């Protein structure tokens, strides 16, 4: 039941704490040794807050003891509003943080948003949470702040659900995304930009060029037009790709504190008209940056001149979801590309001097032959930076509904990081994880810098060794996150079922 608004007075200047949780799963924590990017989602929320309020960002990913750090921040700052974002694998962490707010600062309102809040809002239907925001959060969060500042109720606000009063009809459709032109530029003054970085892929890197670089994150567009069956993005954005005004994006990029820019769009170049317009605005401003972008092989093959233009602007690397080594597997998930198209795009990008980050997915039903096939395929590929996940459909997709009866752990949300199999593995789980780790380790030798025998900066060498060791070990130990009776389970043997 919603707490009385009387604890907040009309026109009150509110203290607002926006929180990024620290994940607990080994592969995610190990990944942070390679890449830790800005909490840009919180920057957007902060920018949406009406003037006159005090806003702070707490990134718990830096905390050795996140719960202790969170309690200390609550007692020191005494916030009126605590906003928490989270992915599905962080959902129980988000709920634990909400309970801490309730214990330490009971008058504060807890507002939860993010991916999981949108696709599985009922999971946040607990008394310690005051509001669940679905969809794009800037507009709803601004309305929440305005209501609480004037002592008004937040019940009934658009795209805002109040736990205890959530109806199934509220969840039948995803909220419409607003005009991107109405989105603010994220506030980056609320964190130390020097703390965020990314390992940087590059073809033909200079001798001793830095591998770990400070990086800023930018979003130029929202949504995707594709129909991959495991992905929720097309549903969240109703099959649309929505671009921000190119002039505003270019101006934002020109003000960034770092030379390296990590684009976090779902697909940067699918709208070639916008991508060319943005390139023109950057050229007009004389912006000189280095870029990492996400795209698709089919986009590369359709618009090669666009990528040449962006290479001249500073595009160093492109993330492409290769996903699987056979056309049959690609068709199964409606990827919309073929193995031949993937290879053509890979070759084309490298010929332009653009490095490729090739992302692959494993399936729980992989056997020894499937792992061998993938290993052989990767060995025969040209140099690339590689990543490997497990095909894990998002809640809200039809694929997720299909796997629900077969989910073999009671903590499915806790393990929903796309690196833990949610359904029984054909191989014994421990063996599956060992082969998974071997693939991750072996593919590291295909990195363009290593393949080109380009030595990295001496400062980066120890850091890279530690990161690689931690990353490989994390994948090998994935099985330890399951109940012990599942460690050597395989082939449809099931332990507890259902989701947390």
Protein backbone atom coordinates (compact mmCIF):
# COMPACT_ATOMS: atom_id res chain seq x y z
CA UNK A 1 0.00 0.00 0.00
CA UNK A 2 1.34 3.44 -0.90
CA UNK A 3 2.65 5.46 2.02
CA UNK A 4 1.09 8.79 2.82
CA UNK A 5 2.50 11.73 0.84
CA UNK A 6 2.30 13.90 3.95
CA UNK A 7 5.94 13.14 4.80
CA UNK A 8 6.93 15.43 1.91
CA UNK A 9 5.78 19.04 1.81
CA UNK A 10 4.72 21.23 -1.08
CA UNK A 11 7.60 22.75 -3.07
CA UNK A 12 10.13 20.94 -0.95
CA UNK A 13 13.69 20.70 -2.27
CA UNK A 14 14.25 16.96 -2.46
CA UNK A 15 17.41 14.94 -1.97
CA UNK A 16 17.52 12.26 -4.68
CA UNK A 17 19.94 9.32 -4.67
CA UNK A 18 20.25 7.31 -7.90
CA UNK A 19 21.84 3.89 -7.45
CA UNK A 20 23.62 1.45 -9.77
CA UNK A 21 23.83 -2.01 -8.10
CA UNK A 22 26.94 -4.15 -7.98
CA UNK A 23 26.33 -7.53 -9.68
CA UNK A 24 27.40 -10.68 -7.90
CA UNK A 25 27.88 -13.21 -10.73
CA UNK A 26 31.46 -14.13 -11.56
CA UNK A 27 31.45 -13.55 -15.36
CA UNK A 28 29.95 -10.06 -14.96
CA UNK A 29 32.38 -9.10 -12.22
CA UNK A 30 35.29 -10.45 -14.28
CA UNK A 31 34.05 -8.56 -17.34
CA UNK A 32 34.41 -5.34 -15.37
CA UNK A 33 38.17 -5.88 -15.43
CA UNK A 34 37.97 -5.31 -19.18
CA UNK A 35 35.20 -2.76 -19.30
CA UNK A 36 33.37 -0.57 -16.82
CA UNK A 37 31.17 1.98 -18.54
CA UNK A 38 29.39 5.04 -17.23
CA UNK A 39 25.98 4.65 -15.53
CA UNK A 40 24.47 6.62 -18.38
CA UNK A 41 20.91 5.54 -17.53
CA UNK A 42 21.23 7.35 -14.20
CA UNK A 43 22.67 10.36 -15.99
CA UNK A 44 19.51 10.53 -18.09
CA UNK A 45 17.29 10.31 -15.01
CA UNK A 46 19.28 13.02 -13.25
CA UNK A 47 18.93 15.29 -16.28
CA UNK A 48 15.15 14.79 -16.21
CA UNK A 49 14.81 15.98 -12.61
CA UNK A 50 13.26 19.47 -12.45
CA UNK A 51 15.61 22.27 -11.35
CA UNK A 52 16.00 22.98 -7.66
CA UNK A 53 16.51 19.46 -6.34
CA UNK A 54 19.75 17.87 -5.13
CA UNK A 55 20.72 14.75 -7.10
CA UNK A 56 23.57 12.32 -6.46
CA UNK A 57 24.67 9.11 -8.18
CA UNK A 58 25.98 6.12 -6.23
CA UNK A 59 27.74 3.51 -8.38
CA UNK A 60 28.08 0.49 -6.13
CA UNK A 61 30.18 -1.37 -8.71
CA UNK A 62 33.20 0.34 -7.15
CA UNK A 63 32.36 -0.77 -3.60
CA UNK A 64 34.22 -3.70 -2.03
CA UNK A 65 31.30 -4.12 0.38
CA UNK A 66 28.33 -2.67 -1.50
CA UNK A 67 25.69 -3.15 1.20
CA UNK A 68 27.85 -1.41 3.82
CA UNK A 69 28.61 1.41 1.38
CA UNK A 70 24.92 1.76 0.58
CA UNK A 71 23.93 1.97 4.23
CA UNK A 72 26.59 4.58 4.85
CA UNK A 73 25.34 6.67 1.91
CA UNK A 74 21.76 6.49 3.16
CA UNK A 75 22.66 7.59 6.68
CA UNK A 76 24.97 10.36 5.48
CA UNK A 77 22.76 11.79 2.72
CA UNK A 78 19.27 11.03 4.14
CA UNK A 79 17.59 10.97 0.70
CA UNK A 80 13.92 11.66 0.12
CA UNK A 81 13.91 9.55 -3.04
CA UNK A 82 16.06 6.55 -3.88
CA UNK A 83 15.98 5.50 -7.54
CA UNK A 84 17.43 2.08 -8.35
CA UNK A 85 17.94 0.55 -11.80
CA UNK A 86 18.74 -3.06 -12.59
CA UNK A 87 18.90 -5.88 -15.09
CA UNK A 88 17.15 -9.20 -14.53
CA UNK A 89 20.18 -10.83 -12.90
CA UNK A 90 20.28 -7.89 -10.46
CA UNK A 91 16.59 -8.01 -9.50
CA UNK A 92 17.07 -9.62 -6.09
CA UNK A 93 19.93 -7.21 -5.37
CA UNK A 94 17.59 -4.32 -6.19
CA UNK A 95 15.00 -5.71 -3.78
CA UNK A 96 17.63 -6.12 -1.06
CA UNK A 97 18.66 -2.48 -1.53
CA UNK A 98 15.01 -1.41 -1.29
CA UNK A 99 14.71 -3.22 2.04
CA UNK A 100 17.81 -1.40 3.29
CA UNK A 101 16.21 1.93 2.41
CA UNK A 102 13.11 0.90 4.32
CA UNK A 103 15.23 0.05 7.38
CA UNK A 104 17.72 2.94 7.31
CA UNK A 105 15.60 5.83 5.98
CA UNK A 106 11.96 4.72 6.23
CA UNK A 107 10.58 8.06 5.04
CA UNK A 108 12.39 7.82 1.71
CA UNK A 109 10.50 6.68 -1.37
CA UNK A 110 12.00 3.84 -3.39
CA UNK A 111 11.52 4.08 -7.15
CA UNK A 112 12.66 1.12 -9.25
CA UNK A 113 13.15 1.11 -13.01
CA UNK A 114 15.28 -0.40 -15.72
CA UNK A 115 15.03 -3.43 -17.96
CA UNK A 116 13.68 -5.90 -15.40
CA UNK A 117 11.08 -3.45 -14.10
CA UNK A 118 9.74 -3.14 -17.64
CA UNK A 119 9.60 -6.81 -18.60
CA UNK A 120 8.78 -8.36 -15.19
CA UNK A 121 7.18 -5.65 -13.08
CA UNK A 122 5.36 -8.14 -10.82
CA UNK A 123 8.72 -9.29 -9.48
CA UNK A 124 9.02 -5.88 -7.79
CA UNK A 125 5.60 -6.06 -6.16
CA UNK A 126 6.93 -5.81 -2.61
CA UNK A 127 6.03 -3.35 0.18
CA UNK A 128 9.50 -1.80 0.34
CA UNK A 129 9.16 -0.46 -3.22
CA UNK A 130 6.93 2.59 -3.70
CA UNK A 131 6.83 2.73 -7.49
CA UNK A 132 7.87 0.67 -10.50
CA UNK A 133 8.63 2.60 -13.68
CA UNK A 134 8.12 0.76 -16.95
CA UNK A 135 9.69 1.80 -20.23
CA UNK A 136 11.72 4.96 -20.74
CA UNK A 137 12.23 6.46 -17.31
CA UNK A 138 12.89 10.18 -17.80
CA UNK A 139 9.30 11.32 -18.19
CA UNK A 140 7.81 9.13 -15.45
CA UNK A 141 10.64 9.94 -13.01
CA UNK A 142 10.22 13.66 -13.60
CA UNK A 143 6.50 13.34 -12.85
CA UNK A 144 7.24 11.36 -9.68
CA UNK A 145 9.65 14.02 -8.42
CA UNK A 146 7.19 16.80 -9.19
CA UNK A 147 4.36 14.98 -7.39
CA UNK A 148 6.38 14.21 -4.27
CA UNK A 149 7.84 17.72 -4.13
CA UNK A 150 4.30 19.06 -3.88
CA UNK A 151 3.08 16.43 -1.44
CA UNK A 152 0.91 14.73 -4.04
CA UNK A 153 0.26 11.05 -4.66
CA UNK A 154 2.24 9.13 -7.25
CA UNK A 155 -0.51 6.60 -7.77
CA UNK A 156 -1.94 6.72 -11.27
CA UNK A 157 0.97 8.50 -12.94
CA UNK A 158 1.55 7.43 -16.54
CA UNK A 159 3.88 4.39 -16.85
CA UNK A 160 4.21 4.22 -13.06
CA UNK A 161 2.94 1.17 -11.15
CA UNK A 162 2.45 1.13 -7.40
CA UNK A 163 3.15 -2.22 -5.70
CA UNK A 164 0.08 -3.66 -4.04
CA UNK A 165 -2.11 -2.24 -6.77
CA UNK A 166 -0.63 -3.72 -9.95
CA UNK A 167 -3.22 -5.29 -12.24
CA UNK A 168 -2.40 -7.80 -14.99
CA UNK A 169 -4.00 -5.40 -17.47
CA UNK A 170 -1.25 -2.89 -16.62
CA UNK A 171 1.30 -5.28 -18.11
CA UNK A 172 -0.41 -6.29 -21.35
CA UNK A 173 1.65 -3.91 -23.50
CA UNK A 174 4.95 -2.10 -23.20
CA UNK A 175 4.78 1.69 -22.92
CA UNK A 176 5.38 3.73 -26.04
CA UNK A 177 8.79 5.38 -26.27
CA UNK A 178 8.65 9.17 -26.47
CA UNK A 179 10.07 11.33 -29.23
CA UNK A 180 13.87 11.08 -28.77
CA UNK A 181 14.06 14.83 -29.39
CA UNK A 182 12.44 15.29 -25.97
CA UNK A 183 15.17 13.28 -24.22
CA UNK A 184 17.73 15.31 -22.25
CA UNK A 185 21.47 14.89 -22.56
CA UNK A 186 22.71 12.81 -19.61
CA UNK A 187 24.36 14.57 -16.69
CA UNK A 188 27.98 13.44 -16.43
CA UNK A 189 28.90 15.87 -13.68
CA UNK A 190 27.55 13.42 -11.09
CA UNK A 191 30.43 10.94 -11.40
CA UNK A 192 34.14 10.96 -12.02
CA UNK A 193 34.53 10.33 -15.75
CA UNK A 194 38.12 9.17 -15.22
CA UNK A 195 36.83 6.08 -13.40
CA UNK A 196 35.21 4.52 -16.47
CA UNK A 197 37.07 2.65 -19.19
CA UNK A 198 36.97 -0.01 -21.88
CA UNK A 199 39.44 -2.39 -23.48
CA UNK A 200 39.79 -0.99 -27.00
CA UNK A 201 39.86 -3.12 -30.14
CA UNK A 202 41.74 -1.80 -33.16
CA UNK A 203 43.18 -3.02 -36.43
CA UNK A 204 46.77 -2.00 -37.11
CA UNK A 205 47.26 -0.53 -33.65
CA UNK A 206 50.43 1.47 -33.10
CA UNK A 207 53.29 -0.12 -31.19
CA UNK A 208 52.63 0.06 -27.45
CA UNK A 209 49.26 1.72 -28.01
CA UNK A 210 47.19 1.73 -24.82
CA UNK A 211 44.74 -1.15 -24.53
CA UNK A 212 42.69 0.11 -21.58
CA UNK A 213 41.40 3.60 -22.27
CA UNK A 214 39.09 6.04 -20.48
CA UNK A 215 35.81 5.97 -22.36
CA UNK A 216 32.56 7.90 -22.46
CA UNK A 217 29.24 6.31 -23.35
CA UNK A 218 26.80 7.84 -25.83
CA UNK A 219 23.41 6.76 -27.13
CA UNK A 220 22.45 8.11 -30.54
CA UNK A 221 19.25 6.10 -31.04
CA UNK A 222 16.83 3.70 -29.42
CA UNK A 223 15.28 0.43 -30.56
CA UNK A 224 15.76 -2.04 -33.39
CA UNK A 225 13.79 -3.11 -36.46
CA UNK A 226 14.92 -6.74 -36.42
CA UNK A 227 12.99 -9.74 -35.05
CA UNK A 228 15.50 -11.99 -33.29
CA UNK A 229 13.41 -14.36 -31.23
CA UNK A 230 15.55 -14.19 -28.09
CA UNK A 231 15.61 -10.37 -27.89
CA UNK A 232 13.08 -8.13 -26.16
CA UNK A 233 14.26 -4.88 -27.80
CA UNK A 234 11.94 -5.08 -30.85
CA UNK A 235 8.96 -5.50 -28.51
CA UNK A 236 10.05 -2.74 -26.15
CA UNK A 237 10.21 -0.29 -29.05
CA UNK A 238 7.35 -1.79 -31.07
CA UNK A 239 9.65 -2.71 -33.94
CA UNK A 240 10.91 0.85 -34.42
CA UNK A 241 14.35 2.43 -34.55
CA UNK A 242 14.20 5.96 -33.14
CA UNK A 243 17.08 8.38 -33.65
CA UNK A 244 17.93 11.42 -31.59
CA UNK A 245 18.44 14.75 -33.39
CA UNK A 246 21.83 14.47 -35.06
CA UNK A 247 22.85 18.01 -34.15
CA UNK A 248 22.19 17.37 -30.44
CA UNK A 249 24.16 14.10 -30.49
CA UNK A 250 27.13 15.71 -32.23
CA UNK A 251 27.12 18.56 -29.74
CA UNK A 252 27.05 16.07 -26.84
CA UNK A 253 29.97 14.12 -28.32
CA UNK A 254 31.97 17.32 -28.82
CA UNK A 255 31.71 18.08 -25.09
CA UNK A 256 32.82 14.65 -23.87
CA UNK A 257 35.89 14.56 -21.62
CA UNK A 258 37.45 11.54 -23.35
CA UNK A 259 38.74 10.77 -26.84
CA UNK A 260 37.16 7.29 -26.88
CA UNK A 261 33.40 6.97 -27.31
CA UNK A 262 31.47 3.73 -26.74
CA UNK A 263 28.10 3.87 -28.53
CA UNK A 264 25.45 1.86 -26.66
CA UNK A 265 22.79 1.84 -29.39
CA UNK A 266 21.17 -1.46 -30.25
CA UNK A 267 22.15 -0.77 -33.90
CA UNK A 268 24.04 2.39 -34.80
CA UNK A 269 23.83 2.33 -38.59
CA UNK A 270 20.58 0.60 -39.56
CA UNK A 271 19.15 4.05 -40.40
CA UNK A 272 21.75 5.12 -42.96
CA UNK A 273 20.15 8.52 -43.48
CA UNK A 274 20.54 9.38 -39.80
CA UNK A 275 24.02 7.85 -39.58
CA UNK A 276 25.16 10.01 -42.50
CA UNK A 277 23.49 13.06 -41.00
CA UNK A 278 25.30 12.50 -37.70
CA UNK A 279 28.58 12.03 -39.55
CA UNK A 280 27.97 15.34 -41.29
CA UNK A 281 27.34 17.14 -38.00
CA UNK A 282 30.53 15.72 -36.48
CA UNK A 283 32.49 16.75 -39.57
CA UNK A 284 30.99 20.25 -39.39
CA UNK A 285 32.10 20.60 -35.74
CA UNK A 286 35.53 19.15 -36.48
CA UNK A 287 35.13 16.50 -33.77
CA UNK A 288 38.09 14.11 -33.52
CA UNK A 289 37.22 11.03 -31.46
CA UNK A 290 37.64 7.24 -31.57
CA UNK A 291 34.42 5.18 -31.72
CA UNK A 292 33.15 1.69 -30.90
CA UNK A 293 29.69 0.91 -32.32
CA UNK A 294 27.15 -1.91 -32.52
CA UNK A 295 25.87 -3.00 -35.92
CA UNK A 296 24.83 -6.02 -38.01
CA UNK A 297 26.58 -7.77 -40.86
CA UNK A 298 23.66 -7.07 -43.16
CA UNK A 299 23.97 -3.34 -42.42
CA UNK A 300 27.68 -3.39 -43.20
CA UNK A 301 27.03 -5.15 -46.50
CA UNK A 302 24.25 -2.75 -47.50
CA UNK A 303 26.09 0.48 -46.69
CA UNK A 304 29.85 0.01 -47.17
CA UNK A 305 30.37 3.68 -48.06
CA UNK A 306 28.74 4.69 -44.77
CA UNK A 307 31.29 2.67 -42.83
CA UNK A 308 34.15 4.13 -44.85
CA UNK A 309 32.90 7.58 -43.92
CA UNK A 310 32.71 6.65 -40.25
CA UNK A 311 36.16 5.07 -40.40
CA UNK A 312 37.48 8.45 -41.53
CA UNK A 313 35.69 9.98 -38.53
CA UNK A 314 37.41 7.57 -36.14
CA UNK A 315 35.37 4.34 -36.03
CA UNK A 316 37.89 1.83 -34.66
CA UNK A 317 35.71 -1.21 -34.04
CA UNK A 318 32.24 -2.63 -34.59
CA UNK A 319 30.33 -5.19 -32.52
CA UNK A 320 28.55 -7.77 -34.71
CA UNK A 321 26.37 -10.58 -33.45
CA UNK A 322 27.67 -13.56 -35.45
CA UNK A 323 25.77 -15.76 -32.96
CA UNK A 324 26.19 -19.22 -34.54
CA UNK A 325 28.44 -21.00 -37.06
CA UNK A 326 25.62 -22.51 -39.17
CA UNK A 327 22.79 -21.03 -41.21
CA UNK A 328 20.33 -23.45 -39.63
CA UNK A 329 21.08 -22.09 -36.15
CA UNK A 330 20.83 -18.51 -37.40
CA UNK A 331 17.45 -19.17 -39.02
CA UNK A 332 16.15 -20.71 -35.82
CA UNK A 333 16.48 -17.39 -34.00
CA UNK A 334 15.45 -15.28 -37.04
CA UNK A 335 18.77 -13.52 -37.05
CA UNK A 336 18.22 -12.28 -40.59
CA UNK A 337 21.80 -12.98 -41.68
CA UNK A 338 23.75 -15.95 -43.01
CA UNK A 339 27.21 -17.28 -42.26
CA UNK A 340 28.34 -16.00 -45.66
CA UNK A 341 26.98 -12.52 -44.94
CA UNK A 342 28.76 -12.47 -41.60
CA UNK A 343 32.05 -13.44 -43.25
CA UNK A 344 31.60 -10.84 -46.00
CA UNK A 345 31.01 -8.06 -43.45
CA UNK A 346 33.99 -9.18 -41.38
CA UNK A 347 36.28 -9.00 -44.41
CA UNK A 348 34.85 -5.66 -45.52
CA UNK A 349 35.33 -4.00 -42.16
CA UNK A 350 38.89 -5.25 -41.78
CA UNK A 351 39.72 -3.96 -45.27
CA UNK A 352 38.62 -0.52 -44.07
CA UNK A 353 40.77 -0.76 -40.96
CA UNK A 354 37.80 -1.38 -38.63
CA UNK A 355 38.27 -4.13 -36.07
CA UNK A 356 35.43 -6.58 -35.49
CA UNK A 357 34.07 -7.70 -32.14
CA UNK A 358 32.48 -11.03 -33.06
CA UNK A 359 29.84 -12.17 -30.58
CA UNK A 360 28.77 -15.81 -30.47
CA UNK A 361 26.13 -17.68 -28.50
CA UNK A 362 26.16 -21.19 -27.10
CA UNK A 363 23.09 -23.29 -26.45
CA UNK A 364 22.54 -25.47 -23.37
CA UNK A 365 21.97 -28.43 -25.70
CA UNK A 366 25.50 -28.17 -27.15
CA UNK A 367 27.41 -31.47 -27.06
CA UNK A 368 31.10 -32.13 -27.62
CA UNK A 369 30.64 -32.00 -31.41
CA UNK A 370 28.93 -28.60 -31.20
CA UNK A 371 31.79 -27.19 -29.14
CA UNK A 372 34.29 -28.66 -31.62
CA UNK A 373 32.40 -27.11 -34.53
CA UNK A 374 32.40 -23.69 -32.90
CA UNK A 375 36.07 -23.94 -31.95
CA UNK A 376 37.02 -24.89 -35.52
CA UNK A 377 34.91 -22.09 -36.96
CA UNK A 378 36.52 -19.48 -34.70
CA UNK A 379 40.02 -20.78 -35.42
CA UNK A 380 39.44 -20.33 -39.15
CA UNK A 381 38.07 -16.80 -38.84
CA UNK A 382 40.18 -13.70 -39.47
CA UNK A 383 41.38 -11.85 -36.36
CA UNK A 384 38.67 -10.39 -34.15
CA UNK A 385 37.87 -9.58 -30.58
CA UNK A 386 35.49 -12.33 -29.39
CA UNK A 387 32.82 -12.77 -26.77
CA UNK A 388 30.68 -15.80 -25.99
CA UNK A 389 27.32 -15.86 -24.25
CA UNK A 390 24.55 -18.42 -23.90
CA UNK A 391 21.39 -17.96 -25.93
CA UNK A 392 19.11 -16.74 -23.16
CA UNK A 393 15.72 -15.34 -24.16
CA UNK A 394 14.58 -12.30 -22.26
CA UNK A 395 11.44 -12.36 -20.10
CA UNK A 396 8.66 -10.99 -22.25
CA UNK A 397 9.66 -12.89 -25.39
CA UNK A 398 7.91 -15.95 -26.77
CA UNK A 399 11.17 -17.88 -26.50
CA UNK A 400 11.23 -17.25 -22.76
CA UNK A 401 7.70 -18.58 -22.40
CA UNK A 402 8.82 -21.69 -24.29
CA UNK A 403 11.71 -22.44 -21.91
CA UNK A 404 9.78 -21.72 -18.70
CA UNK A 405 8.68 -25.35 -18.18
CA UNK A 406 12.29 -26.50 -18.56
CA UNK A 407 14.06 -23.97 -16.32
CA UNK A 408 16.02 -26.12 -13.89
CA UNK A 409 16.95 -23.74 -11.10
CA UNK A 410 14.73 -21.88 -8.63
CA UNK A 411 16.97 -18.81 -9.06
CA UNK A 412 16.42 -18.22 -12.78
CA UNK A 413 16.30 -14.43 -12.43
CA UNK A 414 19.49 -14.46 -10.34
CA UNK A 415 21.30 -16.33 -13.13
CA UNK A 416 19.84 -14.41 -16.06
CA UNK A 417 23.11 -12.81 -17.22
CA UNK A 418 23.28 -14.64 -20.59
CA UNK A 419 26.28 -16.59 -19.31
CA UNK A 420 24.45 -19.19 -17.22
CA UNK A 421 22.34 -21.90 -18.91
CA UNK A 422 18.78 -21.71 -17.60
CA UNK A 423 17.71 -25.10 -18.96
CA UNK A 424 19.43 -28.49 -18.55
CA UNK A 425 22.67 -28.87 -20.45
CA UNK A 426 23.13 -31.93 -22.63
CA UNK A 427 26.63 -32.35 -21.26
CA UNK A 428 27.19 -32.52 -17.51
CA UNK A 429 27.05 -28.91 -16.35
CA UNK A 430 30.60 -28.94 -15.01
CA UNK A 431 31.90 -30.27 -18.37
CA UNK A 432 29.84 -27.71 -20.28
CA UNK A 433 31.42 -24.90 -18.25
CA UNK A 434 34.93 -26.28 -18.78
CA UNK A 435 34.46 -26.32 -22.56
CA UNK A 436 32.88 -22.88 -22.37
CA UNK A 437 35.95 -21.51 -20.53
CA UNK A 438 38.33 -23.19 -22.98
CA UNK A 439 36.57 -21.49 -25.89
CA UNK A 440 36.77 -18.10 -24.16
CA UNK A 441 40.48 -18.51 -23.42
CA UNK A 442 41.47 -19.83 -26.84
CA UNK A 443 39.65 -17.07 -28.72
CA UNK A 444 41.70 -14.45 -26.91
CA UNK A 445 44.65 -15.30 -29.19
CA UNK A 446 42.59 -14.10 -32.19
CA UNK A 447 42.53 -10.49 -31.00
CA UNK A 448 43.79 -8.22 -33.83
CA UNK A 449 46.57 -6.85 -31.66
CA UNK A 450 47.86 -10.28 -30.66
CA UNK A 451 47.43 -11.67 -34.17
CA UNK A 452 49.33 -8.69 -35.55
CA UNK A 453 52.02 -9.07 -32.89
CA UNK A 454 51.54 -5.50 -31.75
CA UNK A 455 52.91 -5.16 -28.21
CA UNK A 456 50.70 -3.27 -25.79
CA UNK A 457 51.83 -0.58 -23.43
CA UNK A 458 53.89 -2.03 -20.52
CA UNK A 459 51.46 -0.49 -18.01
CA UNK A 460 48.61 -2.54 -19.51
CA UNK A 461 50.40 -5.91 -19.54
CA UNK A 462 49.90 -6.93 -15.86
CA UNK A 463 46.36 -5.63 -15.94
CA UNK A 464 45.57 -7.70 -19.05
CA UNK A 465 47.06 -10.87 -17.55
CA UNK A 466 44.95 -10.50 -14.40
CA UNK A 467 41.83 -9.73 -16.42
CA UNK A 468 42.25 -12.72 -18.71
CA UNK A 469 42.91 -15.09 -15.82
CA UNK A 470 39.87 -13.88 -13.87
CA UNK A 471 37.63 -14.00 -16.92
CA UNK A 472 38.52 -17.56 -17.89
CA UNK A 473 38.25 -18.78 -14.30
CA UNK A 474 34.84 -17.15 -13.91
CA UNK A 475 33.41 -19.11 -16.84
CA UNK A 476 34.92 -22.36 -15.64
CA UNK A 477 33.26 -21.83 -12.25
CA UNK A 478 29.81 -20.93 -13.55
CA UNK A 479 28.47 -24.30 -12.39
CA UNK A 480 29.15 -23.29 -8.76
CA UNK A 481 26.24 -20.81 -8.92
CA UNK A 482 23.77 -23.72 -9.12
CA UNK A 483 22.52 -26.11 -6.44
CA UNK A 484 25.19 -28.77 -5.89
CA UNK A 485 22.90 -31.54 -7.15
CA UNK A 486 22.99 -29.92 -10.60
CA UNK A 487 26.76 -29.67 -10.94
CA UNK A 488 27.02 -33.01 -12.73
CA UNK A 489 23.47 -33.12 -14.08
CA UNK A 490 22.92 -33.41 -17.83
CA UNK A 491 20.67 -34.50 -20.64
CA UNK A 492 17.35 -33.38 -19.23
CA UNK A 493 18.06 -34.40 -15.65
CA UNK A 494 16.36 -31.74 -13.62
CA UNK A 495 16.57 -30.47 -10.14
CA UNK A 496 14.18 -27.86 -8.74
CA UNK A 497 11.99 -26.13 -11.33
CA UNK A 498 10.25 -22.80 -11.60
CA UNK A 499 11.55 -19.29 -11.28
CA UNK A 500 12.33 -17.20 -8.25
